[in-house]
Protein backbone atom coordinates (compact mmCIF):
# COMPACT_ATOMS: atom_id res chain seq x y z
CA UNK A 1 0.00 0.00 0.00
CA UNK A 2 2.73 2.47 0.90
CA UNK A 3 4.63 1.75 -2.28
CA UNK A 4 1.86 1.50 -4.84
CA UNK A 5 -0.97 3.61 -3.44
CA UNK A 6 1.02 6.42 -1.84
CA UNK A 7 4.35 6.32 -3.68
CA UNK A 8 6.28 6.01 -0.40
CA UNK A 9 9.03 3.75 -1.68
CA UNK A 10 11.63 4.46 1.01
CA UNK A 11 9.12 3.82 3.77
CA UNK A 12 7.99 0.58 2.16
CA UNK A 13 11.62 -0.53 1.82
CA UNK A 14 12.23 0.20 5.51
CA UNK A 15 9.26 -1.91 6.58
CA UNK A 16 10.18 -4.78 4.25
CA UNK A 17 13.76 -4.78 5.55
CA UNK A 18 12.50 -4.73 9.14
CA UNK A 19 10.16 -7.67 8.54
CA UNK A 20 13.05 -9.58 6.96
CA UNK A 21 15.29 -8.74 9.94
CA UNK A 22 12.74 -10.03 12.46
CA UNK A 23 12.20 -13.17 10.41
CA UNK A 24 15.96 -13.73 10.08
CA UNK A 25 16.06 -14.00 13.87
CA UNK A 26 13.68 -16.96 13.58
CA UNK A 27 10.48 -15.23 14.71
CA UNK A 28 7.23 -16.16 12.98
CA UNK A 29 3.53 -15.89 13.66
CA UNK A 30 1.75 -19.19 14.13
CA UNK A 31 0.27 -19.17 10.62
CA UNK A 32 3.69 -19.15 8.92
CA UNK A 33 5.82 -20.90 11.55
CA UNK A 34 7.81 -24.02 10.81
CA UNK A 35 9.43 -26.44 13.19
CA UNK A 36 12.18 -24.72 15.11
CA UNK A 37 10.83 -21.18 14.62
CA UNK A 38 10.13 -18.91 17.57
CA UNK A 39 6.35 -18.60 17.44
CA UNK A 40 4.98 -15.23 18.59
CA UNK A 41 1.69 -13.39 18.26
CA UNK A 42 0.89 -10.79 15.63
CA UNK A 43 1.00 -7.91 18.12
CA UNK A 44 4.48 -8.91 19.29
CA UNK A 45 5.64 -9.42 15.70
CA UNK A 46 4.30 -5.99 14.75
CA UNK A 47 5.99 -4.41 17.76
CA UNK A 48 9.30 -6.02 16.79
CA UNK A 49 8.97 -4.76 13.22
CA UNK A 50 8.10 -1.26 14.45
CA UNK A 51 11.11 -1.31 16.75
CA UNK A 52 13.37 -2.43 13.90
CA UNK A 53 12.07 0.39 11.66
CA UNK A 54 12.65 2.95 14.39
CA UNK A 55 16.05 1.82 15.46
C-alpha atoms as a PDB file:
ATOM      1  CA  UNK A   1       0.000   0.000   0.000  1.00  0.00           C
ATOM      2  CA  UNK A   2       2.735   2.467   0.904  1.00  0.00           C
ATOM      3  CA  UNK A   3       4.635   1.753  -2.278  1.00  0.00           C
ATOM      4  CA  UNK A   4       1.861   1.499  -4.843  1.00  0.00           C
ATOM      5  CA  UNK A   5      -0.971   3.609  -3.445  1.00  0.00           C
ATOM      6  CA  UNK A   6       1.020   6.421  -1.844  1.00  0.00           C
ATOM      7  CA  UNK A   7       4.352   6.321  -3.678  1.00  0.00           C
ATOM      8  CA  UNK A   8       6.280   6.006  -0.405  1.00  0.00           C
ATOM      9  CA  UNK A   9       9.026   3.747  -1.680  1.00  0.00           C
ATOM     10  CA  UNK A  10      11.634   4.458   1.011  1.00  0.00           C
ATOM     11  CA  UNK A  11       9.116   3.823   3.772  1.00  0.00           C
ATOM     12  CA  UNK A  12       7.988   0.577   2.158  1.00  0.00           C
ATOM     13  CA  UNK A  13      11.619  -0.529   1.823  1.00  0.00           C
ATOM     14  CA  UNK A  14      12.230   0.205   5.512  1.00  0.00           C
ATOM     15  CA  UNK A  15       9.261  -1.913   6.583  1.00  0.00           C
ATOM     16  CA  UNK A  16      10.179  -4.777   4.246  1.00  0.00           C
ATOM     17  CA  UNK A  17      13.757  -4.781   5.555  1.00  0.00           C
ATOM     18  CA  UNK A  18      12.498  -4.733   9.142  1.00  0.00           C
ATOM     19  CA  UNK A  19      10.159  -7.672   8.537  1.00  0.00           C
ATOM     20  CA  UNK A  20      13.047  -9.582   6.961  1.00  0.00           C
ATOM     21  CA  UNK A  21      15.287  -8.744   9.940  1.00  0.00           C
ATOM     22  CA  UNK A  22      12.737 -10.025  12.460  1.00  0.00           C
ATOM     23  CA  UNK A  23      12.198 -13.168  10.414  1.00  0.00           C
ATOM     24  CA  UNK A  24      15.955 -13.727  10.078  1.00  0.00           C
ATOM     25  CA  UNK A  25      16.058 -14.002  13.871  1.00  0.00           C
ATOM     26  CA  UNK A  26      13.680 -16.958  13.582  1.00  0.00           C
ATOM     27  CA  UNK A  27      10.483 -15.230  14.706  1.00  0.00           C
ATOM     28  CA  UNK A  28       7.228 -16.161  12.983  1.00  0.00           C
ATOM     29  CA  UNK A  29       3.532 -15.893  13.658  1.00  0.00           C
ATOM     30  CA  UNK A  30       1.748 -19.192  14.132  1.00  0.00           C
ATOM     31  CA  UNK A  31       0.268 -19.165  10.616  1.00  0.00           C
ATOM     32  CA  UNK A  32       3.689 -19.152   8.921  1.00  0.00           C
ATOM     33  CA  UNK A  33       5.820 -20.896  11.553  1.00  0.00           C
ATOM     34  CA  UNK A  34       7.814 -24.020  10.806  1.00  0.00           C
ATOM     35  CA  UNK A  35       9.426 -26.443  13.188  1.00  0.00           C
ATOM     36  CA  UNK A  36      12.182 -24.717  15.114  1.00  0.00           C
ATOM     37  CA  UNK A  37      10.830 -21.181  14.618  1.00  0.00           C
ATOM     38  CA  UNK A  38      10.130 -18.911  17.571  1.00  0.00           C
ATOM     39  CA  UNK A  39       6.347 -18.604  17.437  1.00  0.00           C
ATOM     40  CA  UNK A  40       4.985 -15.232  18.589  1.00  0.00           C
ATOM     41  CA  UNK A  41       1.688 -13.392  18.256  1.00  0.00           C
ATOM     42  CA  UNK A  42       0.889 -10.794  15.634  1.00  0.00           C
ATOM     43  CA  UNK A  43       1.005  -7.915  18.119  1.00  0.00           C
ATOM     44  CA  UNK A  44       4.480  -8.911  19.290  1.00  0.00           C
ATOM     45  CA  UNK A  45       5.644  -9.419  15.700  1.00  0.00           C
ATOM     46  CA  UNK A  46       4.304  -5.989  14.749  1.00  0.00           C
ATOM     47  CA  UNK A  47       5.993  -4.414  17.764  1.00  0.00           C
ATOM     48  CA  UNK A  48       9.301  -6.018  16.794  1.00  0.00           C
ATOM     49  CA  UNK A  49       8.971  -4.755  13.219  1.00  0.00           C
ATOM     50  CA  UNK A  50       8.102  -1.263  14.449  1.00  0.00           C
ATOM     51  CA  UNK A  51      11.107  -1.307  16.750  1.00  0.00           C
ATOM     52  CA  UNK A  52      13.371  -2.428  13.897  1.00  0.00           C
ATOM     53  CA  UNK A  53      12.073   0.389  11.663  1.00  0.00           C
ATOM     54  CA  UNK A  54      12.648   2.954  14.389  1.00  0.00           C
ATOM     55  CA  UNK A  55      16.048   1.820  15.456  1.00  0.00           C
END
